[in-house]
Amino acid sequence: MKQCLTLFDDGFTPEEIDYAIDWLIEHHPETGAFSRVQHFIDQAIKVKQAQQQAMVDKDRRRAEAEQQAQIEAQQAAEREQIAALFDSLSASVRKELEQQAAQLVQDEHGQVQHGREILIRLKIEELIRDQHLASE
């Protein structure tokens, strides 16, 4: 009893003492004396805190992964919508859009030798997004 009161005086809560007792019995079953709790309580509490932090970290990573998956799904849906809009345009409007995108790429990047078509395609998507999807 005196040893338990000493732990209370040291600032440990009843829950922490109870956890330390359970932890000690589980991890050091050969220990039969309550006096050993004083020697192991800090270690037991650190293990518990590490486990709790691991759970928090796991939950945070799961939430981040879910958020990233949602963002990627939204981006994929937007790309599909942009492709559908582009395909629905008349050939003359598509040609005009391609020329406008090519001019913007040249204005922004100069004479690009490698990846020019990709930059133009990205610029077309940007133009469609700005002109058509923003108005929805």
N, C-alpha and C. Protein backbone atom coordinates (compact mmCIF):
# COMPACT_ATOMS: atom_id res chain seq x y z
N MET A 1 0.83 -1.19 0.00
CA MET A 1 0.00 0.00 0.00
C MET A 1 0.88 1.26 0.00
N LYS A 2 1.93 1.22 0.81
CA LYS A 2 2.83 2.37 0.90
C LYS A 2 3.50 2.64 -0.45
N GLN A 3 3.87 1.58 -1.13
CA GLN A 3 4.51 1.74 -2.44
C GLN A 3 3.52 2.31 -3.46
N CYS A 4 2.29 1.92 -3.35
CA CYS A 4 1.27 2.45 -4.26
C CYS A 4 1.05 3.94 -3.98
N LEU A 5 1.00 4.32 -2.72
CA LEU A 5 0.84 5.73 -2.35
C LEU A 5 2.04 6.55 -2.81
N THR A 6 3.22 5.96 -2.77
CA THR A 6 4.41 6.64 -3.25
C THR A 6 4.28 6.93 -4.75
N LEU A 7 3.73 5.96 -5.48
CA LEU A 7 3.52 6.18 -6.92
C LEU A 7 2.51 7.31 -7.15
N PHE A 8 1.46 7.35 -6.34
CA PHE A 8 0.49 8.46 -6.43
C PHE A 8 1.18 9.79 -6.15
N ASP A 9 2.02 9.81 -5.11
CA ASP A 9 2.75 11.03 -4.75
C ASP A 9 3.70 11.46 -5.86
N ASP A 10 4.20 10.47 -6.61
CA ASP A 10 5.10 10.77 -7.72
C ASP A 10 4.36 11.29 -8.95
N GLY A 11 3.01 11.32 -8.86
CA GLY A 11 2.23 11.90 -9.94
C GLY A 11 1.58 10.90 -10.88
N PHE A 12 1.70 9.62 -10.60
CA PHE A 12 1.09 8.62 -11.46
C PHE A 12 -0.40 8.50 -11.14
N THR A 13 -1.19 8.28 -12.16
CA THR A 13 -2.64 8.13 -11.99
C THR A 13 -2.97 6.67 -11.66
N PRO A 14 -4.15 6.44 -11.12
CA PRO A 14 -4.55 5.04 -10.87
C PRO A 14 -4.55 4.20 -12.15
N GLU A 15 -4.95 4.81 -13.27
CA GLU A 15 -4.96 4.09 -14.54
C GLU A 15 -3.54 3.70 -14.95
N GLU A 16 -2.58 4.61 -14.75
CA GLU A 16 -1.20 4.31 -15.11
C GLU A 16 -0.63 3.20 -14.23
N ILE A 17 -0.94 3.24 -12.95
CA ILE A 17 -0.47 2.20 -12.03
C ILE A 17 -1.10 0.86 -12.40
N ASP A 18 -2.39 0.86 -12.67
CA ASP A 18 -3.08 -0.36 -13.07
C ASP A 18 -2.48 -0.92 -14.36
N TYR A 19 -2.23 -0.03 -15.33
CA TYR A 19 -1.62 -0.46 -16.59
C TYR A 19 -0.23 -1.04 -16.33
N ALA A 20 0.56 -0.38 -15.49
CA ALA A 20 1.91 -0.86 -15.19
C ALA A 20 1.88 -2.24 -14.54
N ILE A 21 0.91 -2.46 -13.68
CA ILE A 21 0.78 -3.78 -13.05
C ILE A 21 0.48 -4.83 -14.11
N ASP A 22 -0.50 -4.56 -14.95
CA ASP A 22 -0.85 -5.51 -16.03
C ASP A 22 0.33 -5.73 -16.96
N TRP A 23 1.01 -4.65 -17.31
CA TRP A 23 2.16 -4.74 -18.22
C TRP A 23 3.26 -5.59 -17.59
N LEU A 24 3.52 -5.36 -16.32
CA LEU A 24 4.58 -6.09 -15.62
C LEU A 24 4.25 -7.59 -15.56
N ILE A 25 3.00 -7.91 -15.27
CA ILE A 25 2.59 -9.31 -15.22
C ILE A 25 2.72 -9.96 -16.60
N GLU A 26 2.36 -9.21 -17.64
CA GLU A 26 2.43 -9.75 -19.00
C GLU A 26 3.87 -9.92 -19.48
N HIS A 27 4.71 -8.93 -19.22
CA HIS A 27 6.07 -8.93 -19.77
C HIS A 27 7.12 -9.54 -18.83
N HIS A 28 6.85 -9.56 -17.57
CA HIS A 28 7.79 -10.13 -16.58
C HIS A 28 7.00 -10.97 -15.58
N PRO A 29 6.44 -12.09 -16.05
CA PRO A 29 5.57 -12.89 -15.16
C PRO A 29 6.30 -13.48 -13.96
N GLU A 30 7.62 -13.56 -14.05
CA GLU A 30 8.38 -14.11 -12.93
C GLU A 30 8.46 -13.15 -11.75
N THR A 31 8.10 -11.89 -11.99
CA THR A 31 8.13 -10.89 -10.92
C THR A 31 6.87 -11.04 -10.08
N GLY A 32 7.05 -11.26 -8.79
CA GLY A 32 5.89 -11.49 -7.94
C GLY A 32 5.63 -10.38 -6.96
N ALA A 33 6.47 -9.39 -6.89
CA ALA A 33 6.33 -8.36 -5.86
C ALA A 33 5.83 -7.06 -6.46
N PHE A 34 4.93 -6.41 -5.73
CA PHE A 34 4.42 -5.11 -6.18
C PHE A 34 5.54 -4.08 -6.24
N SER A 35 6.58 -4.25 -5.45
CA SER A 35 7.68 -3.27 -5.43
C SER A 35 8.34 -3.14 -6.80
N ARG A 36 8.22 -4.16 -7.64
CA ARG A 36 8.82 -4.10 -8.98
C ARG A 36 8.08 -3.12 -9.88
N VAL A 37 6.83 -2.81 -9.54
CA VAL A 37 6.05 -1.85 -10.34
C VAL A 37 6.77 -0.51 -10.37
N GLN A 38 7.32 -0.09 -9.23
CA GLN A 38 8.03 1.18 -9.18
C GLN A 38 9.20 1.22 -10.16
N HIS A 39 9.83 0.09 -10.37
CA HIS A 39 10.99 0.03 -11.25
C HIS A 39 10.60 -0.03 -12.72
N PHE A 40 9.41 -0.50 -13.01
CA PHE A 40 9.00 -0.71 -14.39
C PHE A 40 7.91 0.24 -14.88
N ILE A 41 7.36 1.07 -14.00
CA ILE A 41 6.21 1.88 -14.41
C ILE A 41 6.55 2.84 -15.54
N ASP A 42 7.72 3.47 -15.47
CA ASP A 42 8.09 4.39 -16.56
C ASP A 42 8.21 3.66 -17.89
N GLN A 43 8.83 2.49 -17.85
CA GLN A 43 8.97 1.71 -19.08
C GLN A 43 7.61 1.29 -19.62
N ALA A 44 6.73 0.85 -18.75
CA ALA A 44 5.38 0.43 -19.16
C ALA A 44 4.63 1.60 -19.79
N ILE A 45 4.70 2.76 -19.16
CA ILE A 45 4.00 3.94 -19.69
C ILE A 45 4.59 4.37 -21.02
N LYS A 46 5.90 4.30 -21.17
CA LYS A 46 6.53 4.65 -22.45
C LYS A 46 6.06 3.71 -23.56
N VAL A 47 5.95 2.43 -23.23
CA VAL A 47 5.47 1.46 -24.22
C VAL A 47 4.04 1.81 -24.62
N LYS A 48 3.21 2.11 -23.63
CA LYS A 48 1.81 2.46 -23.91
C LYS A 48 1.74 3.72 -24.77
N GLN A 49 2.53 4.73 -24.44
CA GLN A 49 2.53 5.97 -25.22
C GLN A 49 3.02 5.71 -26.65
N ALA A 50 4.01 4.85 -26.79
CA ALA A 50 4.51 4.52 -28.13
C ALA A 50 3.43 3.81 -28.93
N GLN A 51 2.69 2.92 -28.28
CA GLN A 51 1.61 2.22 -28.97
C GLN A 51 0.51 3.20 -29.38
N GLN A 52 0.18 4.12 -28.49
CA GLN A 52 -0.85 5.11 -28.80
C GLN A 52 -0.39 6.02 -29.94
N GLN A 53 0.88 6.42 -29.92
CA GLN A 53 1.41 7.27 -30.98
C GLN A 53 1.41 6.51 -32.31
N ALA A 54 1.73 5.23 -32.25
CA ALA A 54 1.71 4.41 -33.48
C ALA A 54 0.30 4.35 -34.06
N MET A 55 -0.69 4.24 -33.21
CA MET A 55 -2.08 4.21 -33.67
C MET A 55 -2.46 5.57 -34.29
N VAL A 56 -2.04 6.65 -33.64
CA VAL A 56 -2.32 7.99 -34.17
C VAL A 56 -1.66 8.15 -35.53
N ASP A 57 -0.41 7.73 -35.63
CA ASP A 57 0.32 7.83 -36.90
C ASP A 57 -0.35 6.98 -37.99
N LYS A 58 -0.78 5.78 -37.61
CA LYS A 58 -1.45 4.89 -38.57
C LYS A 58 -2.75 5.53 -39.05
N ASP A 59 -3.53 6.10 -38.13
CA ASP A 59 -4.78 6.75 -38.50
C ASP A 59 -4.53 7.96 -39.40
N ARG A 60 -3.46 8.71 -39.09
CA ARG A 60 -3.12 9.89 -39.90
C ARG A 60 -2.72 9.46 -41.31
N ARG A 61 -1.89 8.41 -41.41
CA ARG A 61 -1.47 7.92 -42.73
C ARG A 61 -2.66 7.40 -43.52
N ARG A 62 -3.57 6.72 -42.85
CA ARG A 62 -4.77 6.21 -43.52
C ARG A 62 -5.62 7.36 -44.03
N ALA A 63 -5.79 8.39 -43.20
CA ALA A 63 -6.58 9.54 -43.61
C ALA A 63 -5.92 10.26 -44.79
N GLU A 64 -4.60 10.40 -44.73
CA GLU A 64 -3.87 11.03 -45.83
C GLU A 64 -4.00 10.22 -47.12
N ALA A 65 -3.93 8.90 -46.99
CA ALA A 65 -4.06 8.04 -48.17
C ALA A 65 -5.47 8.15 -48.76
N GLU A 66 -6.47 8.19 -47.90
CA GLU A 66 -7.85 8.35 -48.38
C GLU A 66 -8.03 9.69 -49.07
N GLN A 67 -7.45 10.74 -48.48
CA GLN A 67 -7.55 12.07 -49.08
C GLN A 67 -6.85 12.10 -50.43
N GLN A 68 -5.66 11.47 -50.50
CA GLN A 68 -4.92 11.44 -51.76
C GLN A 68 -5.69 10.66 -52.82
N ALA A 69 -6.31 9.55 -52.43
CA ALA A 69 -7.10 8.76 -53.37
C ALA A 69 -8.29 9.56 -53.87
N GLN A 70 -8.90 10.33 -53.00
CA GLN A 70 -10.03 11.17 -53.39
C GLN A 70 -9.59 12.26 -54.37
N ILE A 71 -8.46 12.86 -54.10
CA ILE A 71 -7.92 13.89 -55.00
C ILE A 71 -7.62 13.29 -56.37
N GLU A 72 -6.99 12.11 -56.38
CA GLU A 72 -6.65 11.46 -57.64
C GLU A 72 -7.91 11.08 -58.41
N ALA A 73 -8.93 10.64 -57.71
CA ALA A 73 -10.20 10.30 -58.37
C ALA A 73 -10.83 11.55 -58.98
N GLN A 74 -10.78 12.66 -58.26
CA GLN A 74 -11.33 13.92 -58.79
C GLN A 74 -10.54 14.37 -60.01
N GLN A 75 -9.22 14.23 -59.95
CA GLN A 75 -8.39 14.63 -61.09
C GLN A 75 -8.66 13.74 -62.31
N ALA A 76 -8.84 12.45 -62.07
CA ALA A 76 -9.14 11.53 -63.18
C ALA A 76 -10.49 11.87 -63.79
N ALA A 77 -11.47 12.17 -62.96
CA ALA A 77 -12.79 12.54 -63.47
C ALA A 77 -12.70 13.83 -64.26
N GLU A 78 -11.90 14.77 -63.78
CA GLU A 78 -11.74 16.04 -64.51
C GLU A 78 -11.07 15.80 -65.86
N ARG A 79 -10.03 14.93 -65.87
CA ARG A 79 -9.35 14.63 -67.14
C ARG A 79 -10.31 13.99 -68.14
N GLU A 80 -11.15 13.08 -67.64
CA GLU A 80 -12.14 12.45 -68.52
C GLU A 80 -13.12 13.49 -69.05
N GLN A 81 -13.53 14.39 -68.20
CA GLN A 81 -14.47 15.43 -68.61
C GLN A 81 -13.83 16.35 -69.65
N ILE A 82 -12.57 16.69 -69.45
CA ILE A 82 -11.85 17.53 -70.41
C ILE A 82 -11.71 16.81 -71.74
N ALA A 83 -11.36 15.53 -71.71
CA ALA A 83 -11.23 14.76 -72.95
C ALA A 83 -12.56 14.68 -73.68
N ALA A 84 -13.64 14.48 -72.95
CA ALA A 84 -14.96 14.42 -73.57
C ALA A 84 -15.33 15.76 -74.19
N LEU A 85 -15.02 16.84 -73.50
CA LEU A 85 -15.30 18.18 -74.05
C LEU A 85 -14.48 18.42 -75.32
N PHE A 86 -13.20 18.05 -75.28
CA PHE A 86 -12.34 18.24 -76.44
C PHE A 86 -12.86 17.43 -77.63
N ASP A 87 -13.24 16.19 -77.37
CA ASP A 87 -13.75 15.34 -78.44
C ASP A 87 -15.07 15.85 -79.01
N SER A 88 -15.84 16.57 -78.20
CA SER A 88 -17.14 17.07 -78.66
C SER A 88 -17.02 18.35 -79.50
N LEU A 89 -15.83 18.95 -79.51
CA LEU A 89 -15.63 20.18 -80.28
C LEU A 89 -15.50 19.86 -81.76
N SER A 90 -15.89 20.81 -82.56
CA SER A 90 -15.73 20.63 -84.01
C SER A 90 -14.24 20.64 -84.35
N ALA A 91 -13.92 20.11 -85.51
CA ALA A 91 -12.52 20.05 -85.94
C ALA A 91 -11.90 21.43 -86.02
N SER A 92 -12.67 22.42 -86.49
CA SER A 92 -12.11 23.77 -86.62
C SER A 92 -11.85 24.39 -85.25
N VAL A 93 -12.72 24.14 -84.29
CA VAL A 93 -12.52 24.68 -82.94
C VAL A 93 -11.34 23.99 -82.27
N ARG A 94 -11.21 22.69 -82.50
CA ARG A 94 -10.06 21.96 -81.94
C ARG A 94 -8.75 22.49 -82.52
N LYS A 95 -8.75 22.72 -83.84
CA LYS A 95 -7.56 23.24 -84.50
C LYS A 95 -7.20 24.62 -83.94
N GLU A 96 -8.20 25.46 -83.77
CA GLU A 96 -7.99 26.80 -83.21
C GLU A 96 -7.45 26.71 -81.78
N LEU A 97 -7.99 25.80 -81.02
CA LEU A 97 -7.53 25.60 -79.64
C LEU A 97 -6.08 25.11 -79.61
N GLU A 98 -5.74 24.21 -80.52
CA GLU A 98 -4.37 23.71 -80.61
C GLU A 98 -3.40 24.83 -80.99
N GLN A 99 -3.82 25.68 -81.92
CA GLN A 99 -2.96 26.80 -82.32
C GLN A 99 -2.78 27.79 -81.17
N GLN A 100 -3.85 28.07 -80.46
CA GLN A 100 -3.77 28.97 -79.30
C GLN A 100 -2.84 28.38 -78.24
N ALA A 101 -2.97 27.10 -77.99
CA ALA A 101 -2.12 26.43 -76.99
C ALA A 101 -0.66 26.45 -77.43
N ALA A 102 -0.41 26.19 -78.72
CA ALA A 102 0.96 26.21 -79.25
C ALA A 102 1.58 27.59 -79.10
N GLN A 103 0.80 28.62 -79.35
CA GLN A 103 1.32 29.98 -79.19
C GLN A 103 1.63 30.29 -77.73
N LEU A 104 0.76 29.86 -76.84
CA LEU A 104 1.00 30.09 -75.41
C LEU A 104 2.24 29.34 -74.93
N VAL A 105 2.44 28.12 -75.42
CA VAL A 105 3.63 27.35 -75.06
C VAL A 105 4.88 28.07 -75.55
N GLN A 106 4.83 28.56 -76.79
CA GLN A 106 5.99 29.28 -77.32
C GLN A 106 6.24 30.55 -76.53
N ASP A 107 5.18 31.28 -76.17
CA ASP A 107 5.34 32.51 -75.40
C ASP A 107 5.95 32.23 -74.02
N GLU A 108 5.54 31.12 -73.42
CA GLU A 108 5.99 30.81 -72.06
C GLU A 108 7.35 30.11 -72.04
N HIS A 109 7.63 29.27 -73.04
CA HIS A 109 8.83 28.43 -72.99
C HIS A 109 9.80 28.63 -74.14
N GLY A 110 9.43 29.46 -75.10
CA GLY A 110 10.29 29.63 -76.25
C GLY A 110 10.22 28.42 -77.17
N GLN A 111 11.24 28.23 -77.96
CA GLN A 111 11.29 27.10 -78.88
C GLN A 111 11.67 25.84 -78.11
N VAL A 112 10.70 25.03 -77.83
CA VAL A 112 10.93 23.78 -77.12
C VAL A 112 11.14 22.68 -78.14
N GLN A 113 12.21 21.92 -77.96
CA GLN A 113 12.48 20.86 -78.92
C GLN A 113 11.93 19.52 -78.44
N HIS A 114 12.04 19.25 -77.16
CA HIS A 114 11.59 17.98 -76.61
C HIS A 114 10.41 18.22 -75.68
N GLY A 115 9.35 17.45 -75.89
CA GLY A 115 8.18 17.56 -75.02
C GLY A 115 7.20 18.64 -75.42
N ARG A 116 7.40 19.21 -76.59
CA ARG A 116 6.53 20.30 -77.05
C ARG A 116 5.08 19.84 -77.15
N GLU A 117 4.85 18.66 -77.70
CA GLU A 117 3.49 18.15 -77.87
C GLU A 117 2.80 17.93 -76.52
N ILE A 118 3.58 17.48 -75.54
CA ILE A 118 3.01 17.29 -74.21
C ILE A 118 2.62 18.63 -73.60
N LEU A 119 3.49 19.62 -73.75
CA LEU A 119 3.19 20.96 -73.23
C LEU A 119 1.95 21.54 -73.91
N ILE A 120 1.83 21.31 -75.20
CA ILE A 120 0.65 21.81 -75.93
C ILE A 120 -0.60 21.11 -75.41
N ARG A 121 -0.52 19.80 -75.23
CA ARG A 121 -1.68 19.04 -74.73
C ARG A 121 -2.09 19.53 -73.34
N LEU A 122 -1.11 19.76 -72.49
CA LEU A 122 -1.40 20.27 -71.15
C LEU A 122 -2.03 21.67 -71.22
N LYS A 123 -1.54 22.48 -72.14
CA LYS A 123 -2.09 23.83 -72.30
C LYS A 123 -3.51 23.77 -72.83
N ILE A 124 -3.79 22.83 -73.74
CA ILE A 124 -5.15 22.64 -74.23
C ILE A 124 -6.07 22.27 -73.07
N GLU A 125 -5.62 21.34 -72.24
CA GLU A 125 -6.43 20.95 -71.08
C GLU A 125 -6.67 22.13 -70.15
N GLU A 126 -5.65 22.94 -69.97
CA GLU A 126 -5.79 24.14 -69.13
C GLU A 126 -6.80 25.11 -69.72
N LEU A 127 -6.72 25.30 -71.03
CA LEU A 127 -7.66 26.22 -71.69
C LEU A 127 -9.10 25.70 -71.58
N ILE A 128 -9.27 24.41 -71.80
CA ILE A 128 -10.62 23.83 -71.69
C ILE A 128 -11.12 23.96 -70.26
N ARG A 129 -10.26 23.68 -69.30
CA ARG A 129 -10.63 23.80 -67.88
C ARG A 129 -11.05 25.24 -67.57
N ASP A 130 -10.25 26.18 -68.02
CA ASP A 130 -10.53 27.59 -67.72
C ASP A 130 -11.78 28.09 -68.45
N GLN A 131 -11.95 27.69 -69.70
CA GLN A 131 -13.04 28.23 -70.51
C GLN A 131 -14.36 27.49 -70.31
N HIS A 132 -14.31 26.19 -70.13
CA HIS A 132 -15.54 25.41 -70.12
C HIS A 132 -15.93 24.90 -68.74
N LEU A 133 -14.96 24.37 -68.00
CA LEU A 133 -15.29 23.79 -66.70
C LEU A 133 -15.50 24.85 -65.63
N ALA A 134 -14.81 25.97 -65.76
CA ALA A 134 -14.97 27.04 -64.77
C ALA A 134 -16.36 27.65 -64.82
N SER A 135 -16.99 27.59 -65.99
CA SER A 135 -18.32 28.18 -66.14
C SER A 135 -19.43 27.26 -65.66
N GLU A 136 -19.09 26.00 -65.34
CA GLU A 136 -20.12 25.06 -64.88
C GLU A 136 -20.42 25.22 -63.42
